[in-house]
Amino acid sequence: MGKIIDADARLPELNNIDPDDEERINERKKLIEQKAGLEEDIKDTEYASDENRDAEELTFSRALENLIIMLRFIQLLCENHNHFLQKILGS
């Protein structure tokens, strides 16, 4: 996700370039292609509407969703909401 943000920040700089500057034009094209590829990779990790979520097999998208849920849980524990559980995590 950080690479997409970096590309979004860099693209406006490359929009206002001299038409004769082939190096920057090629850099802009490459950056646009990389951004499109990264966005496509992100789309590939989303759930398919017909994906069987009860299956024995753990797909990447299911694993990613589970990881996000666990990280959110840990974040809530660490935001001064539950001192007892914070002490358990700290030990």
C-alpha atoms as a PDB file:
ATOM      1  CA  MET A   1       0.000   0.000   0.000  1.00  0.00           C
ATOM      2  CA  GLY A   2       2.904   2.327   0.705  1.00  0.00           C
ATOM      3  CA  LYS A   3       4.176   1.970  -2.841  1.00  0.00           C
ATOM      4  CA  ILE A   4       0.815   3.108  -4.198  1.00  0.00           C
ATOM      5  CA  ILE A   5       0.883   6.144  -1.932  1.00  0.00           C
ATOM      6  CA  ASP A   6       4.430   6.932  -3.051  1.00  0.00           C
ATOM      7  CA  ALA A   7       3.377   6.629  -6.684  1.00  0.00           C
ATOM      8  CA  ASP A   8       0.396   8.930  -6.102  1.00  0.00           C
ATOM      9  CA  ALA A   9       2.714  11.491  -4.534  1.00  0.00           C
ATOM     10  CA  ARG A  10       5.255  11.286  -7.372  1.00  0.00           C
ATOM     11  CA  LEU A  11       2.829  11.326 -10.334  1.00  0.00           C
ATOM     12  CA  PRO A  12       1.786  15.003 -10.021  1.00  0.00           C
ATOM     13  CA  GLU A  13       5.447  15.991 -10.262  1.00  0.00           C
ATOM     14  CA  LEU A  14       5.785  13.991 -13.463  1.00  0.00           C
ATOM     15  CA  ASN A  15       2.604  15.388 -15.045  1.00  0.00           C
ATOM     16  CA  ASN A  16       4.187  18.791 -15.639  1.00  0.00           C
ATOM     17  CA  ILE A  17       7.280  17.729 -17.512  1.00  0.00           C
ATOM     18  CA  ASP A  18       8.845  18.877 -20.736  1.00  0.00           C
ATOM     19  CA  PRO A  19       7.563  16.779 -23.690  1.00  0.00           C
ATOM     20  CA  ASP A  20      11.169  16.414 -24.890  1.00  0.00           C
ATOM     21  CA  ASP A  21      12.347  14.854 -21.611  1.00  0.00           C
ATOM     22  CA  GLU A  22      12.109  11.197 -22.592  1.00  0.00           C
ATOM     23  CA  GLU A  23      13.678   9.953 -19.365  1.00  0.00           C
ATOM     24  CA  ARG A  24      10.945  11.506 -17.211  1.00  0.00           C
ATOM     25  CA  ILE A  25       8.225  10.426 -19.655  1.00  0.00           C
ATOM     26  CA  ASN A  26       9.470   6.834 -19.408  1.00  0.00           C
ATOM     27  CA  GLU A  27       9.677   7.144 -15.626  1.00  0.00           C
ATOM     28  CA  ARG A  28       6.050   8.335 -15.531  1.00  0.00           C
ATOM     29  CA  LYS A  29       4.874   5.454 -17.742  1.00  0.00           C
ATOM     30  CA  LYS A  30       6.752   2.922 -15.615  1.00  0.00           C
ATOM     31  CA  LEU A  31       5.292   4.391 -12.415  1.00  0.00           C
ATOM     32  CA  ILE A  32       1.743   4.218 -13.826  1.00  0.00           C
ATOM     33  CA  GLU A  33       2.269   0.581 -14.853  1.00  0.00           C
ATOM     34  CA  GLN A  34       3.675  -0.340 -11.437  1.00  0.00           C
ATOM     35  CA  LYS A  35       0.762   1.351  -9.681  1.00  0.00           C
ATOM     36  CA  ALA A  36      -1.751  -0.498 -11.881  1.00  0.00           C
ATOM     37  CA  GLY A  37       0.001  -3.793 -11.145  1.00  0.00           C
ATOM     38  CA  LEU A  38      -0.054  -3.176  -7.401  1.00  0.00           C
ATOM     39  CA  GLU A  39      -3.738  -2.242  -7.489  1.00  0.00           C
ATOM     40  CA  GLU A  40      -4.468  -5.443  -9.433  1.00  0.00           C
ATOM     41  CA  ASP A  41      -2.579  -7.481  -6.810  1.00  0.00           C
ATOM     42  CA  ILE A  42      -4.691  -5.894  -4.078  1.00  0.00           C
ATOM     43  CA  LYS A  43      -7.891  -6.751  -5.942  1.00  0.00           C
ATOM     44  CA  ASP A  44      -6.722 -10.364  -6.213  1.00  0.00           C
ATOM     45  CA  THR A  45      -6.604 -10.644  -2.412  1.00  0.00           C
ATOM     46  CA  GLU A  46     -10.264  -9.680  -1.955  1.00  0.00           C
ATOM     47  CA  TYR A  47     -12.963 -12.296  -1.457  1.00  0.00           C
ATOM     48  CA  ALA A  48     -14.630 -13.787  -4.453  1.00  0.00           C
ATOM     49  CA  SER A  49     -18.392 -13.609  -3.973  1.00  0.00           C
ATOM     50  CA  ASP A  50     -18.703 -17.368  -4.444  1.00  0.00           C
ATOM     51  CA  GLU A  51     -15.766 -18.324  -2.218  1.00  0.00           C
ATOM     52  CA  ASN A  52     -16.649 -21.047   0.254  1.00  0.00           C
ATOM     53  CA  ARG A  53     -15.626 -19.564   3.592  1.00  0.00           C
ATOM     54  CA  ASP A  54     -16.360 -22.809   5.468  1.00  0.00           C
ATOM     55  CA  ALA A  55     -13.834 -24.840   3.502  1.00  0.00           C
ATOM     56  CA  GLU A  56     -10.915 -26.579   5.139  1.00  0.00           C
ATOM     57  CA  GLU A  57      -8.490 -24.740   2.867  1.00  0.00           C
ATOM     58  CA  LEU A  58      -7.290 -21.358   4.109  1.00  0.00           C
ATOM     59  CA  THR A  59      -6.993 -18.977   1.187  1.00  0.00           C
ATOM     60  CA  PHE A  60      -4.785 -15.914   1.218  1.00  0.00           C
ATOM     61  CA  SER A  61      -7.789 -13.590   1.381  1.00  0.00           C
ATOM     62  CA  ARG A  62      -9.227 -15.425   4.397  1.00  0.00           C
ATOM     63  CA  ALA A  63      -5.843 -15.420   6.107  1.00  0.00           C
ATOM     64  CA  LEU A  64      -5.480 -11.694   5.449  1.00  0.00           C
ATOM     65  CA  GLU A  65      -8.922 -10.954   6.876  1.00  0.00           C
ATOM     66  CA  ASN A  66      -8.167 -13.032   9.974  1.00  0.00           C
ATOM     67  CA  LEU A  67      -4.875 -11.216  10.432  1.00  0.00           C
ATOM     68  CA  ILE A  68      -6.596  -7.822  10.209  1.00  0.00           C
ATOM     69  CA  ILE A  69      -9.121  -8.888  12.860  1.00  0.00           C
ATOM     70  CA  MET A  70      -6.362 -10.110  15.190  1.00  0.00           C
ATOM     71  CA  LEU A  71      -4.299  -6.955  14.739  1.00  0.00           C
ATOM     72  CA  ARG A  72      -7.351  -4.800  15.464  1.00  0.00           C
ATOM     73  CA  PHE A  73      -7.947  -6.804  18.647  1.00  0.00           C
ATOM     74  CA  ILE A  74      -4.345  -6.311  19.770  1.00  0.00           C
ATOM     75  CA  GLN A  75      -4.583  -2.613  18.921  1.00  0.00           C
ATOM     76  CA  LEU A  76      -7.622  -2.247  21.181  1.00  0.00           C
ATOM     77  CA  LEU A  77      -5.774  -4.025  23.983  1.00  0.00           C
ATOM     78  CA  CYS A  78      -2.863  -1.637  23.650  1.00  0.00           C
ATOM     79  CA  GLU A  79      -4.893   1.574  23.624  1.00  0.00           C
ATOM     80  CA  ASN A  80      -5.327   1.732  27.390  1.00  0.00           C
ATOM     81  CA  HIS A  81      -8.705  -0.015  27.371  1.00  0.00           C
ATOM     82  CA  ASN A  82      -7.830  -3.075  29.418  1.00  0.00           C
ATOM     83  CA  HIS A  83      -4.902  -2.852  31.839  1.00  0.00           C
ATOM     84  CA  PHE A  84      -5.097  -6.494  32.935  1.00  0.00           C
ATOM     85  CA  LEU A  85      -4.780  -7.862  29.382  1.00  0.00           C
ATOM     86  CA  GLN A  86      -2.031  -5.339  28.619  1.00  0.00           C
ATOM     87  CA  LYS A  87      -0.014  -6.775  31.504  1.00  0.00           C
ATOM     88  CA  ILE A  88      -0.504 -10.283  30.102  1.00  0.00           C
ATOM     89  CA  LEU A  89       0.672  -9.166  26.663  1.00  0.00           C
ATOM     90  CA  GLY A  90       3.657  -7.419  28.224  1.00  0.00           C
ATOM     91  CA  SER A  91       4.868 -10.535  30.036  1.00  0.00           C
END
